Amino acid sequence: MLVDLSRMVGSYLHDVFVVQLDWWVAIGFLAQALFTMRFLVQWIASERAGKMVMPIAFWFFSIGGGILLLLYALYIRDPVFILGQAFGVFVYLRNLYFELRDRRRAR
């Protein structure tokens, strides 16, 4: 029973990560890596400051990763993924606009 389960899991993982690997999946991985970087950037900046900090790079990584994930979602035709990423990109762009506007005013 465990041997059969192990084979089924191995076959599934091989199919997902080897057989179905194409350029769109590579773009999806790149997009997810960019999206993950936003958390690392925010965490490092906050640790250095000793308080919660939202660096501007957070928004650039959010936008880059969000747009690539949206393109991937459009390619795989997933309506839940498409709506979620489209709304997220809108929010990230709006927040970046506010940040840049406030920086201009501060100068």
PDB file of N, CA and C in Angstrom:
ATOM      1  N   MET A   1       0.816  -1.179   0.000  1.00  0.00           N
ATOM      2  CA  MET A   1       0.000   0.000   0.000  1.00  0.00           C
ATOM      3  C   MET A   1       0.874   1.263   0.000  1.00  0.00           C
ATOM      4  N   LEU A   2       1.883   1.331   0.879  1.00  0.00           N
ATOM      5  CA  LEU A   2       2.764   2.490   0.926  1.00  0.00           C
ATOM      6  C   LEU A   2       3.603   2.602  -0.339  1.00  0.00           C
ATOM      7  N   VAL A   3       3.967   1.450  -0.903  1.00  0.00           N
ATOM      8  CA  VAL A   3       4.749   1.457  -2.137  1.00  0.00           C
ATOM      9  C   VAL A   3       3.905   2.033  -3.273  1.00  0.00           C
ATOM     10  N   ASP A   4       2.635   1.619  -3.339  1.00  0.00           N
ATOM     11  CA  ASP A   4       1.737   2.143  -4.370  1.00  0.00           C
ATOM     12  C   ASP A   4       1.524   3.638  -4.196  1.00  0.00           C
ATOM     13  N   LEU A   5       1.332   4.079  -2.974  1.00  0.00           N
ATOM     14  CA  LEU A   5       1.144   5.501  -2.688  1.00  0.00           C
ATOM     15  C   LEU A   5       2.389   6.292  -3.080  1.00  0.00           C
ATOM     16  N   SER A   6       3.546   5.753  -2.752  1.00  0.00           N
ATOM     17  CA  SER A   6       4.806   6.395  -3.097  1.00  0.00           C
ATOM     18  C   SER A   6       4.946   6.524  -4.615  1.00  0.00           C
ATOM     19  N   ARG A   7       4.594   5.483  -5.344  1.00  0.00           N
ATOM     20  CA  ARG A   7       4.662   5.533  -6.808  1.00  0.00           C
ATOM     21  C   ARG A   7       3.684   6.551  -7.377  1.00  0.00           C
ATOM     22  N   MET A   8       2.475   6.602  -6.821  1.00  0.00           N
ATOM     23  CA  MET A   8       1.476   7.558  -7.301  1.00  0.00           C
ATOM     24  C   MET A   8       1.941   8.997  -7.067  1.00  0.00           C
ATOM     25  N   VAL A   9       2.491   9.251  -5.884  1.00  0.00           N
ATOM     26  CA  VAL A   9       2.990  10.594  -5.575  1.00  0.00           C
ATOM     27  C   VAL A   9       4.176  10.927  -6.476  1.00  0.00           C
ATOM     28  N   GLY A  10       5.083   9.994  -6.642  1.00  0.00           N
ATOM     29  CA  GLY A  10       6.241  10.206  -7.510  1.00  0.00           C
ATOM     30  C   GLY A  10       5.825  10.461  -8.946  1.00  0.00           C
ATOM     31  N   SER A  11       4.858   9.717  -9.424  1.00  0.00           N
ATOM     32  CA  SER A  11       4.360   9.897 -10.789  1.00  0.00           C
ATOM     33  C   SER A  11       3.693  11.262 -10.938  1.00  0.00           C
ATOM     34  N   TYR A  12       2.907  11.644  -9.948  1.00  0.00           N
ATOM     35  CA  TYR A  12       2.247  12.954  -9.973  1.00  0.00           C
ATOM     36  C   TYR A  12       3.273  14.080  -9.998  1.00  0.00           C
ATOM     37  N   LEU A  13       4.270  14.025  -9.115  1.00  0.00           N
ATOM     38  CA  LEU A  13       5.291  15.070  -9.052  1.00  0.00           C
ATOM     39  C   LEU A  13       6.114  15.127 -10.335  1.00  0.00           C
ATOM     40  N   HIS A  14       6.416  13.969 -10.905  1.00  0.00           N
ATOM     41  CA  HIS A  14       7.148  13.929 -12.171  1.00  0.00           C
ATOM     42  C   HIS A  14       6.321  14.590 -13.271  1.00  0.00           C
ATOM     43  N   ASP A  15       5.042  14.294 -13.312  1.00  0.00           N
ATOM     44  CA  ASP A  15       4.165  14.888 -14.320  1.00  0.00           C
ATOM     45  C   ASP A  15       4.085  16.404 -14.155  1.00  0.00           C
ATOM     46  N   VAL A  16       3.917  16.869 -12.925  1.00  0.00           N
ATOM     47  CA  VAL A  16       3.763  18.303 -12.667  1.00  0.00           C
ATOM     48  C   VAL A  16       5.058  19.070 -12.911  1.00  0.00           C
ATOM     49  N   PHE A  17       6.176  18.563 -12.409  1.00  0.00           N
ATOM     50  CA  PHE A  17       7.426  19.326 -12.439  1.00  0.00           C
ATOM     51  C   PHE A  17       8.360  19.004 -13.604  1.00  0.00           C
ATOM     52  N   VAL A  18       8.102  17.932 -14.348  1.00  0.00           N
ATOM     53  CA  VAL A  18       8.982  17.573 -15.461  1.00  0.00           C
ATOM     54  C   VAL A  18       8.201  17.559 -16.783  1.00  0.00           C
ATOM     55  N   VAL A  19       7.160  16.768 -16.852  1.00  0.00           N
ATOM     56  CA  VAL A  19       6.417  16.602 -18.100  1.00  0.00           C
ATOM     57  C   VAL A  19       5.749  17.901 -18.533  1.00  0.00           C
ATOM     58  N   GLN A  20       5.127  18.617 -17.600  1.00  0.00           N
ATOM     59  CA  GLN A  20       4.376  19.817 -17.947  1.00  0.00           C
ATOM     60  C   GLN A  20       5.226  21.093 -17.954  1.00  0.00           C
ATOM     61  N   LEU A  21       6.508  20.963 -17.708  1.00  0.00           N
ATOM     62  CA  LEU A  21       7.381  22.130 -17.663  1.00  0.00           C
ATOM     63  C   LEU A  21       7.521  22.737 -19.054  1.00  0.00           C
ATOM     64  N   ASP A  22       7.162  24.011 -19.165  1.00  0.00           N
ATOM     65  CA  ASP A  22       7.332  24.743 -20.409  1.00  0.00           C
ATOM     66  C   ASP A  22       7.677  26.188 -20.058  1.00  0.00           C
ATOM     67  N   TRP A  23       7.735  27.058 -21.074  1.00  0.00           N
ATOM     68  CA  TRP A  23       8.119  28.454 -20.834  1.00  0.00           C
ATOM     69  C   TRP A  23       7.121  29.166 -19.940  1.00  0.00           C
ATOM     70  N   TRP A  24       5.851  28.854 -20.060  1.00  0.00           N
ATOM     71  CA  TRP A  24       4.856  29.514 -19.217  1.00  0.00           C
ATOM     72  C   TRP A  24       5.033  29.133 -17.753  1.00  0.00           C
ATOM     73  N   VAL A  25       5.364  27.897 -17.505  1.00  0.00           N
ATOM     74  CA  VAL A  25       5.620  27.470 -16.117  1.00  0.00           C
ATOM     75  C   VAL A  25       6.867  28.166 -15.596  1.00  0.00           C
ATOM     76  N   ALA A  26       7.874  28.301 -16.438  1.00  0.00           N
ATOM     77  CA  ALA A  26       9.090  29.027 -16.033  1.00  0.00           C
ATOM     78  C   ALA A  26       8.763  30.484 -15.703  1.00  0.00           C
ATOM     79  N   ILE A  27       7.909  31.116 -16.505  1.00  0.00           N
ATOM     80  CA  ILE A  27       7.475  32.486 -16.218  1.00  0.00           C
ATOM     81  C   ILE A  27       6.707  32.532 -14.901  1.00  0.00           C
ATOM     82  N   GLY A  28       5.875  31.542 -14.664  1.00  0.00           N
ATOM     83  CA  GLY A  28       5.145  31.462 -13.399  1.00  0.00           C
ATOM     84  C   GLY A  28       6.084  31.354 -12.201  1.00  0.00           C
ATOM     85  N   PHE A  29       7.135  30.545 -12.335  1.00  0.00           N
ATOM     86  CA  PHE A  29       8.125  30.429 -11.254  1.00  0.00           C
ATOM     87  C   PHE A  29       8.866  31.743 -11.043  1.00  0.00           C
ATOM     88  N   LEU A  30       9.254  32.402 -12.135  1.00  0.00           N
ATOM     89  CA  LEU A  30       9.916  33.702 -12.028  1.00  0.00           C
ATOM     90  C   LEU A  30       9.000  34.717 -11.348  1.00  0.00           C
ATOM     91  N   ALA A  31       7.739  34.728 -11.745  1.00  0.00           N
ATOM     92  CA  ALA A  31       6.771  35.642 -11.146  1.00  0.00           C
ATOM     93  C   ALA A  31       6.634  35.382  -9.652  1.00  0.00           C
ATOM     94  N   GLN A  32       6.554  34.133  -9.278  1.00  0.00           N
ATOM     95  CA  GLN A  32       6.424  33.799  -7.859  1.00  0.00           C
ATOM     96  C   GLN A  32       7.680  34.184  -7.093  1.00  0.00           C
ATOM     97  N   ALA A  33       8.843  34.056  -7.720  1.00  0.00           N
ATOM     98  CA  ALA A  33      10.092  34.457  -7.069  1.00  0.00           C
ATOM     99  C   ALA A  33      10.107  35.967  -6.832  1.00  0.00           C
ATOM    100  N   LEU A  34       9.687  36.753  -7.831  1.00  0.00           N
ATOM    101  CA  LEU A  34       9.601  38.210  -7.650  1.00  0.00           C
ATOM    102  C   LEU A  34       8.619  38.562  -6.543  1.00  0.00           C
ATOM    103  N   PHE A  35       7.501  37.890  -6.551  1.00  0.00           N
ATOM    104  CA  PHE A  35       6.474  38.156  -5.547  1.00  0.00           C
ATOM    105  C   PHE A  35       6.993  37.819  -4.151  1.00  0.00           C
ATOM    106  N   THR A  36       7.749  36.753  -4.031  1.00  0.00           N
ATOM    107  CA  THR A  36       8.328  36.369  -2.741  1.00  0.00           C
ATOM    108  C   THR A  36       9.390  37.360  -2.296  1.00  0.00           C
ATOM    109  N   MET A  37      10.138  37.926  -3.234  1.00  0.00           N
ATOM    110  CA  MET A  37      11.181  38.895  -2.893  1.00  0.00           C
ATOM    111  C   MET A  37      10.627  40.098  -2.149  1.00  0.00           C
ATOM    112  N   ARG A  38       9.377  40.462  -2.430  1.00  0.00           N
ATOM    113  CA  ARG A  38       8.800  41.625  -1.756  1.00  0.00           C
ATOM    114  C   ARG A  38       8.751  41.405  -0.250  1.00  0.00           C
ATOM    115  N   PHE A  39       8.449  40.184   0.166  1.00  0.00           N
ATOM    116  CA  PHE A  39       8.410  39.889   1.590  1.00  0.00           C
ATOM    117  C   PHE A  39       9.806  39.937   2.203  1.00  0.00           C
ATOM    118  N   LEU A  40      10.784  39.406   1.489  1.00  0.00           N
ATOM    119  CA  LEU A  40      12.157  39.430   1.990  1.00  0.00           C
ATOM    120  C   LEU A  40      12.675  40.859   2.121  1.00  0.00           C
ATOM    121  N   VAL A  41      12.391  41.690   1.112  1.00  0.00           N
ATOM    122  CA  VAL A  41      12.824  43.088   1.138  1.00  0.00           C
ATOM    123  C   VAL A  41      12.192  43.819   2.329  1.00  0.00           C
ATOM    124  N   GLN A  42      10.906  43.595   2.523  1.00  0.00           N
ATOM    125  CA  GLN A  42      10.200  44.259   3.625  1.00  0.00           C
ATOM    126  C   GLN A  42      10.715  43.762   4.974  1.00  0.00           C
ATOM    127  N   TRP A  43      10.957  42.485   5.089  1.00  0.00           N
ATOM    128  CA  TRP A  43      11.429  41.907   6.337  1.00  0.00           C
ATOM    129  C   TRP A  43      12.817  42.447   6.689  1.00  0.00           C
ATOM    130  N   ILE A  44      13.726  42.442   5.713  1.00  0.00           N
ATOM    131  CA  ILE A  44      15.091  42.932   5.954  1.00  0.00           C
ATOM    132  C   ILE A  44      15.080  44.406   6.333  1.00  0.00           C
ATOM    133  N   ALA A  45      14.290  45.211   5.602  1.00  0.00           N
ATOM    134  CA  ALA A  45      14.219  46.642   5.912  1.00  0.00           C
ATOM    135  C   ALA A  45      13.661  46.874   7.314  1.00  0.00           C
ATOM    136  N   SER A  46      12.676  46.106   7.707  1.00  0.00           N
ATOM    137  CA  SER A  46      12.091  46.250   9.042  1.00  0.00           C
ATOM    138  C   SER A  46      13.061  45.812  10.137  1.00  0.00           C
ATOM    139  N   GLU A  47      13.781  44.738   9.878  1.00  0.00           N
ATOM    140  CA  GLU A  47      14.769  44.270  10.860  1.00  0.00           C
ATOM    141  C   GLU A  47      15.855  45.322  11.058  1.00  0.00           C
ATOM    142  N   ARG A  48      16.324  45.916   9.970  1.00  0.00           N
ATOM    143  CA  ARG A  48      17.364  46.942  10.069  1.00  0.00           C
ATOM    144  C   ARG A  48      16.878  48.180  10.814  1.00  0.00           C
ATOM    145  N   ALA A  49      15.618  48.555  10.582  1.00  0.00           N
ATOM    146  CA  ALA A  49      15.070  49.759  11.212  1.00  0.00           C
ATOM    147  C   ALA A  49      14.576  49.495  12.632  1.00  0.00           C
ATOM    148  N   GLY A  50      14.355  48.236  12.977  1.00  0.00           N
ATOM    149  CA  GLY A  50      13.829  47.908  14.293  1.00  0.00           C
ATOM    150  C   GLY A  50      12.352  48.237  14.436  1.00  0.00           C
ATOM    151  N   LYS A  51      11.685  48.429  13.312  1.00  0.00           N
ATOM    152  CA  LYS A  51      10.243  48.689  13.300  1.00  0.00           C
ATOM    153  C   LYS A  51       9.720  48.319  11.915  1.00  0.00           C
ATOM    154  N   MET A  52       8.402  48.319  11.751  1.00  0.00           N
ATOM    155  CA  MET A  52       7.814  47.972  10.471  1.00  0.00           C
ATOM    156  C   MET A  52       8.111  49.072   9.452  1.00  0.00           C
ATOM    157  N   VAL A  53       8.732  48.670   8.344  1.00  0.00           N
ATOM    158  CA  VAL A  53       9.082  49.592   7.277  1.00  0.00           C
ATOM    159  C   VAL A  53       8.563  48.999   5.964  1.00  0.00           C
ATOM    160  N   MET A  54       8.040  49.860   5.116  1.00  0.00           N
ATOM    161  CA  MET A  54       7.559  49.419   3.802  1.00  0.00           C
ATOM    162  C   MET A  54       8.407  50.118   2.735  1.00  0.00           C
ATOM    163  N   PRO A  55       9.528  49.508   2.324  1.00  0.00           N
ATOM    164  CA  PRO A  55      10.402  50.145   1.327  1.00  0.00           C
ATOM    165  C   PRO A  55       9.724  50.195  -0.034  1.00  0.00           C
ATOM    166  N   ILE A  56      10.124  51.146  -0.845  1.00  0.00           N
ATOM    167  CA  ILE A  56       9.522  51.296  -2.173  1.00  0.00           C
ATOM    168  C   ILE A  56       9.777  50.066  -3.039  1.00  0.00           C
ATOM    169  N   ALA A  57      10.886  49.373  -2.797  1.00  0.00           N
ATOM    170  CA  ALA A  57      11.172  48.151  -3.562  1.00  0.00           C
ATOM    171  C   ALA A  57      10.070  47.112  -3.377  1.00  0.00           C
ATOM    172  N   PHE A  58       9.402  47.120  -2.220  1.00  0.00           N
ATOM    173  CA  PHE A  58       8.282  46.213  -1.969  1.00  0.00           C
ATOM    174  C   PHE A  58       7.232  46.364  -3.064  1.00  0.00           C
ATOM    175  N   TRP A  59       6.923  47.615  -3.413  1.00  0.00           N
ATOM    176  CA  TRP A  59       5.875  47.863  -4.412  1.00  0.00           C
ATOM    177  C   TRP A  59       6.339  47.486  -5.813  1.00  0.00           C
ATOM    178  N   PHE A  60       7.611  47.707  -6.117  1.00  0.00           N
ATOM    179  CA  PHE A  60       8.111  47.317  -7.434  1.00  0.00           C
ATOM    180  C   PHE A  60       8.115  45.796  -7.597  1.00  0.00           C
ATOM    181  N   PHE A  61       8.537  45.071  -6.571  1.00  0.00           N
ATOM    182  CA  PHE A  61       8.479  43.609  -6.628  1.00  0.00           C
ATOM    183  C   PHE A  61       7.029  43.133  -6.707  1.00  0.00           C
ATOM    184  N   SER A  62       6.138  43.785  -5.976  1.00  0.00           N
ATOM    185  CA  SER A  62       4.717  43.421  -6.015  1.00  0.00           C
ATOM    186  C   SER A  62       4.147  43.594  -7.413  1.00  0.00           C
ATOM    187  N   ILE A  63       4.445  44.718  -8.040  1.00  0.00           N
ATOM    188  CA  ILE A  63       3.937  44.996  -9.384  1.00  0.00           C
ATOM    189  C   ILE A  63       4.529  44.031 -10.403  1.00  0.00           C
ATOM    190  N   GLY A  64       5.854  43.851 -10.368  1.00  0.00           N
ATOM    191  CA  GLY A  64       6.493  42.937 -11.318  1.00  0.00           C
ATOM    192  C   GLY A  64       5.982  41.516 -11.177  1.00  0.00           C
ATOM    193  N   GLY A  65       5.976  41.016  -9.956  1.00  0.00           N
ATOM    194  CA  GLY A  65       5.475  39.662  -9.725  1.00  0.00           C
ATOM    195  C   GLY A  65       4.003  39.539 -10.033  1.00  0.00           C
ATOM    196  N   GLY A  66       3.224  40.551  -9.650  1.00  0.00           N
ATOM    197  CA  GLY A  66       1.782  40.523  -9.889  1.00  0.00           C
ATOM    198  C   GLY A  66       1.432  40.517 -11.369  1.00  0.00           C
ATOM    199  N   ILE A  67       2.129  41.332 -12.158  1.00  0.00           N
ATOM    200  CA  ILE A  67       1.861  41.371 -13.604  1.00  0.00           C
ATOM    201  C   ILE A  67       2.239  40.042 -14.255  1.00  0.00           C
ATOM    202  N   LEU A  68       3.399  39.497 -13.888  1.00  0.00           N
ATOM    203  CA  LEU A  68       3.786  38.204 -14.467  1.00  0.00           C
ATOM    204  C   LEU A  68       2.829  37.091 -14.043  1.00  0.00           C
ATOM    205  N   LEU A  69       2.396  37.116 -12.775  1.00  0.00           N
ATOM    206  CA  LEU A  69       1.421  36.111 -12.333  1.00  0.00           C
ATOM    207  C   LEU A  69       0.085  36.301 -13.043  1.00  0.00           C
ATOM    208  N   LEU A  70      -0.297  37.550 -13.307  1.00  0.00           N
ATOM    209  CA  LEU A  70      -1.532  37.804 -14.055  1.00  0.00           C
ATOM    210  C   LEU A  70      -1.422  37.241 -15.476  1.00  0.00           C
ATOM    211  N   LEU A  71      -0.283  37.466 -16.126  1.00  0.00           N
ATOM    212  CA  LEU A  71      -0.085  36.902 -17.469  1.00  0.00           C
ATOM    213  C   LEU A  71      -0.166  35.379 -17.442  1.00  0.00           C
ATOM    214  N   TYR A  72       0.453  34.784 -16.437  1.00  0.00           N
ATOM    215  CA  TYR A  72       0.393  33.326 -16.293  1.00  0.00           C
ATOM    216  C   TYR A  72      -1.041  32.867 -16.063  1.00  0.00           C
ATOM    217  N   ALA A  73      -1.780  33.586 -15.219  1.00  0.00           N
ATOM    218  CA  ALA A  73      -3.178  33.241 -14.946  1.00  0.00           C
ATOM    219  C   ALA A  73      -4.030  33.350 -16.206  1.00  0.00           C
ATOM    220  N   LEU A  74      -3.758  34.380 -17.020  1.00  0.00           N
ATOM    221  CA  LEU A  74      -4.490  34.519 -18.283  1.00  0.00           C
ATOM    222  C   LEU A  74      -4.180  33.341 -19.212  1.00  0.00           C
ATOM    223  N   TYR A  75      -2.917  32.929 -19.232  1.00  0.00           N
ATOM    224  CA  TYR A  75      -2.528  31.801 -20.074  1.00  0.00           C
ATOM    225  C   TYR A  75      -3.220  30.510 -19.642  1.00  0.00           C
ATOM    226  N   ILE A  76      -3.263  30.248 -18.345  1.00  0.00           N
ATOM    227  CA  ILE A  76      -3.883  28.998 -17.884  1.00  0.00           C
ATOM    228  C   ILE A  76      -5.399  29.117 -17.764  1.00  0.00           C
ATOM    229  N   ARG A  77      -5.926  30.333 -17.992  1.00  0.00           N
ATOM    230  CA  ARG A  77      -7.370  30.578 -18.029  1.00  0.00           C
ATOM    231  C   ARG A  77      -8.064  30.238 -16.716  1.00  0.00           C
ATOM    232  N   ASP A  78      -7.478  30.713 -15.632  1.00  0.00           N
ATOM    233  CA  ASP A  78      -8.051  30.480 -14.301  1.00  0.00           C
ATOM    234  C   ASP A  78      -8.732  31.763 -13.836  1.00  0.00           C
ATOM    235  N   PRO A  79     -10.078  31.814 -13.839  1.00  0.00           N
ATOM    236  CA  PRO A  79     -10.778  33.058 -13.522  1.00  0.00           C
ATOM    237  C   PRO A  79     -10.534  33.559 -12.092  1.00  0.00           C
ATOM    238  N   VAL A  80     -10.390  32.669 -11.148  1.00  0.00           N
ATOM    239  CA  VAL A  80     -10.127  33.076  -9.766  1.00  0.00           C
ATOM    240  C   VAL A  80      -8.756  33.737  -9.676  1.00  0.00           C
ATOM    241  N   PHE A  81      -7.780  33.119 -10.262  1.00  0.00           N
ATOM    242  CA  PHE A  81      -6.406  33.612 -10.286  1.00  0.00           C
ATOM    243  C   PHE A  81      -6.334  34.947 -11.038  1.00  0.00           C
ATOM    244  N   ILE A  82      -7.044  35.035 -12.173  1.00  0.00           N
ATOM    245  CA  ILE A  82      -7.036  36.260 -12.978  1.00  0.00           C
ATOM    246  C   ILE A  82      -7.598  37.431 -12.181  1.00  0.00           C
ATOM    247  N   LEU A  83      -8.758  37.267 -11.583  1.00  0.00           N
ATOM    248  CA  LEU A  83      -9.378  38.363 -10.828  1.00  0.00           C
ATOM    249  C   LEU A  83      -8.535  38.755  -9.622  1.00  0.00           C
ATOM    250  N   GLY A  84      -8.007  37.776  -8.929  1.00  0.00           N
ATOM    251  CA  GLY A  84      -7.176  38.059  -7.757  1.00  0.00           C
ATOM    252  C   GLY A  84      -5.927  38.843  -8.110  1.00  0.00           C
ATOM    253  N   GLN A  85      -5.242  38.427  -9.157  1.00  0.00           N
ATOM    254  CA  GLN A  85      -4.010  39.115  -9.550  1.00  0.00           C
ATOM    255  C   GLN A  85      -4.299  40.487 -10.158  1.00  0.00           C
ATOM    256  N   ALA A  86      -5.365  40.601 -10.946  1.00  0.00           N
ATOM    257  CA  ALA A  86      -5.695  41.896 -11.550  1.00  0.00           C
ATOM    258  C   ALA A  86      -6.014  42.922 -10.463  1.00  0.00           C
ATOM    259  N   PHE A  87      -6.781  42.526  -9.466  1.00  0.00           N
ATOM    260  CA  PHE A  87      -7.098  43.445  -8.375  1.00  0.00           C
ATOM    261  C   PHE A  87      -5.836  43.798  -7.599  1.00  0.00           C
ATOM    262  N   GLY A  88      -5.006  42.805  -7.333  1.00  0.00           N
ATOM    263  CA  GLY A  88      -3.758  43.043  -6.606  1.00  0.00           C
ATOM    264  C   GLY A  88      -2.854  44.030  -7.330  1.00  0.00           C
ATOM    265  N   VAL A  89      -2.685  43.861  -8.638  1.00  0.00           N
ATOM    266  CA  VAL A  89      -1.828  44.768  -9.403  1.00  0.00           C
ATOM    267  C   VAL A  89      -2.375  46.193  -9.334  1.00  0.00           C
ATOM    268  N   PHE A  90      -3.685  46.336  -9.413  1.00  0.00           N
ATOM    269  CA  PHE A  90      -4.302  47.658  -9.283  1.00  0.00           C
ATOM    270  C   PHE A  90      -3.941  48.289  -7.938  1.00  0.00           C
ATOM    271  N   VAL A  91      -4.073  47.531  -6.864  1.00  0.00           N
ATOM    272  CA  VAL A  91      -3.758  48.035  -5.520  1.00  0.00           C
ATOM    273  C   VAL A  91      -2.281  48.396  -5.409  1.00  0.00           C
ATOM    274  N   TYR A  92      -1.385  47.552  -5.932  1.00  0.00           N
ATOM    275  CA  TYR A  92       0.048  47.832  -5.854  1.00  0.00           C
ATOM    276  C   TYR A  92       0.397  49.110  -6.611  1.00  0.00           C
ATOM    277  N   LEU A  93      -0.179  49.275  -7.806  1.00  0.00           N
ATOM    278  CA  LEU A  93       0.074  50.487  -8.587  1.00  0.00           C
ATOM    279  C   LEU A  93      -0.440  51.728  -7.857  1.00  0.00           C
ATOM    280  N   ARG A  94      -1.595  51.613  -7.264  1.00  0.00           N
ATOM    281  CA  ARG A  94      -2.168  52.740  -6.522  1.00  0.00           C
ATOM    282  C   ARG A  94      -1.291  53.090  -5.312  1.00  0.00           C
ATOM    283  N   ASN A  95      -0.847  52.093  -4.583  1.00  0.00           N
ATOM    284  CA  ASN A  95       0.017  52.359  -3.430  1.00  0.00           C
ATOM    285  C   ASN A  95       1.345  52.970  -3.851  1.00  0.00           C
ATOM    286  N   LEU A  96       1.907  52.502  -4.957  1.00  0.00           N
ATOM    287  CA  LEU A  96       3.148  53.094  -5.465  1.00  0.00           C
ATOM    288  C   LEU A  96       2.909  54.553  -5.845  1.00  0.00           C
ATOM    289  N   TYR A  97       1.773  54.842  -6.465  1.00  0.00           N
ATOM    290  CA  TYR A  97       1.426  56.222  -6.808  1.00  0.00           C
ATOM    291  C   TYR A  97       1.409  57.094  -5.544  1.00  0.00           C
ATOM    292  N   PHE A  98       0.746  56.626  -4.493  1.00  0.00           N
ATOM    293  CA  PHE A  98       0.694  57.389  -3.241  1.00  0.00           C
ATOM    294  C   PHE A  98       2.086  57.604  -2.658  1.00  0.00           C
ATOM    295  N   GLU A  99       2.894  56.571  -2.682  1.00  0.00           N
ATOM    296  CA  GLU A  99       4.253  56.663  -2.138  1.00  0.00           C
ATOM    297  C   GLU A  99       5.080  57.693  -2.908  1.00  0.00           C
ATOM    298  N   LEU A 100       5.043  57.620  -4.228  1.00  0.00           N
ATOM    299  CA  LEU A 100       5.812  58.565  -5.046  1.00  0.00           C
ATOM    300  C   LEU A 100       5.278  59.988  -4.888  1.00  0.00           C
ATOM    301  N   ARG A 101       3.979  60.138  -4.812  1.00  0.00           N
ATOM    302  CA  ARG A 101       3.374  61.451  -4.605  1.00  0.00           C
ATOM    303  C   ARG A 101       3.834  62.051  -3.280  1.00  0.00           C
ATOM    304  N   ASP A 102       3.806  61.257  -2.222  1.00  0.00           N
ATOM    305  CA  ASP A 102       4.219  61.742  -0.901  1.00  0.00           C
ATOM    306  C   ASP A 102       5.706  62.089  -0.867  1.00  0.00           C
ATOM    307  N   ARG A 103       6.515  61.318  -1.586  1.00  0.00           N
ATOM    308  CA  ARG A 103       7.949  61.636  -1.627  1.00  0.00           C
ATOM    309  C   ARG A 103       8.202  62.948  -2.363  1.00  0.00           C
ATOM    310  N   ARG A 104       7.450  63.190  -3.443  1.00  0.00           N
ATOM    311  CA  ARG A 104       7.584  64.451  -4.156  1.00  0.00           C
ATOM    312  C   ARG A 104       7.170  65.622  -3.277  1.00  0.00           C
ATOM    313  N   ARG A 105       6.100  65.467  -2.532  1.00  0.00           N
ATOM    314  CA  ARG A 105       5.632  66.535  -1.633  1.00  0.00           C
ATOM    315  C   ARG A 105       6.637  66.812  -0.532  1.00  0.00           C
ATOM    316  N   ALA A 106       7.297  65.754  -0.046  1.00  0.00           N
ATOM    317  CA  ALA A 106       8.266  65.920   1.046  1.00  0.00           C
ATOM    318  C   ALA A 106       9.500  66.689   0.584  1.00  0.00           C
ATOM    319  N   ARG A 107       9.823  66.647  -0.699  1.00  0.00           N
ATOM    320  CA  ARG A 107      10.968  67.393  -1.233  1.00  0.00           C
ATOM    321  C   ARG A 107      10.567  68.811  -1.361  1.00  0.00           C
TER     322      ARG A 107
END
